[in-house]
Amino acid sequence: MDRIPKDPVMLLSFVNLKLRDYYDSLEKLCEDLDVSEAEILERLRSIEYHYDRERNQFV
C-alpha cells in the first residue's frame, strides 16, 4: 500500500482520478498497482464513500 496515499481524502481523489482516466474497474486498478481492494474499500468507507460500479467511481 506504499504506492497510494495514506490519507483517506487524498486516496479518494487519487483513486477516482485513476478510475476516470486509466481503469475501467476498481479490480483492474488494484491489480495493476498491486494494492488491496479491501484496504481501499475500508479506508474510503471510513469517510463514508462507497464504490459505484456503474459510475466506476467512489461516491
Protein backbone atom coordinates (compact mmCIF):
# COMPACT_ATOMS: atom_id res chain seq x y z
CA MET A 1 0.00 0.00 0.00
CA ASP A 2 3.02 2.29 -0.22
CA ARG A 3 2.05 3.23 -3.78
CA ILE A 4 -1.15 5.06 -2.79
CA PRO A 5 -1.93 7.95 -0.42
CA LYS A 6 -2.46 7.05 3.24
CA ASP A 7 -4.87 9.91 3.96
CA PRO A 8 -8.44 8.83 3.05
CA VAL A 9 -9.36 12.15 1.39
CA MET A 10 -6.22 12.14 -0.74
CA LEU A 11 -6.84 8.46 -1.51
CA LEU A 12 -10.35 9.31 -2.71
CA SER A 13 -9.02 11.91 -5.12
CA PHE A 14 -6.21 9.63 -6.32
CA VAL A 15 -8.43 6.60 -6.89
CA ASN A 16 -11.23 8.49 -8.62
CA LEU A 17 -8.74 10.16 -10.94
CA LYS A 18 -7.17 6.81 -11.82
CA LEU A 19 -10.59 5.22 -12.36
CA ARG A 20 -11.72 8.09 -14.56
CA ASP A 21 -8.58 8.35 -16.68
CA TYR A 22 -6.93 4.91 -16.74
CA TYR A 23 -9.02 1.99 -15.44
CA ASP A 24 -12.46 0.65 -16.22
CA SER A 25 -12.82 -1.08 -12.83
CA LEU A 26 -11.56 -0.94 -9.28
CA GLU A 27 -10.35 -4.52 -9.63
CA LYS A 28 -8.07 -3.64 -12.55
CA LEU A 29 -6.68 -0.61 -10.72
CA CYS A 30 -5.86 -2.71 -7.65
CA GLU A 31 -4.32 -5.48 -9.71
CA ASP A 32 -2.15 -3.09 -11.71
CA LEU A 33 -0.99 -1.10 -8.66
CA ASP A 34 -0.64 -4.27 -6.56
CA VAL A 35 -2.82 -2.90 -3.76
CA SER A 36 -5.54 -4.48 -1.66
CA GLU A 37 -9.06 -3.73 -2.84
CA ALA A 38 -10.36 -4.46 0.65
CA GLU A 39 -7.97 -1.90 2.14
CA ILE A 40 -9.10 0.79 -0.29
CA LEU A 41 -12.75 0.00 0.34
CA GLU A 42 -12.21 0.10 4.11
CA ARG A 43 -10.30 3.40 4.06
CA LEU A 44 -12.86 5.11 1.88
CA ARG A 45 -15.75 3.67 3.86
CA SER A 46 -14.23 5.44 6.88
CA ILE A 47 -15.07 8.77 5.20
CA GLU A 48 -18.46 7.45 4.04
CA TYR A 49 -17.65 6.76 0.39
CA HIS A 50 -18.50 3.57 -1.45
CA TYR A 51 -17.61 2.24 -4.88
CA ASP A 52 -20.32 2.59 -7.51
CA ARG A 53 -19.58 0.03 -10.24
CA GLU A 54 -21.91 1.65 -12.78
CA ARG A 55 -20.20 5.03 -12.45
CA ASN A 56 -16.78 3.46 -11.83
CA GLN A 57 -16.05 5.88 -9.02
CA PHE A 58 -16.34 6.36 -5.31
CA VAL A 59 -19.38 8.39 -4.33
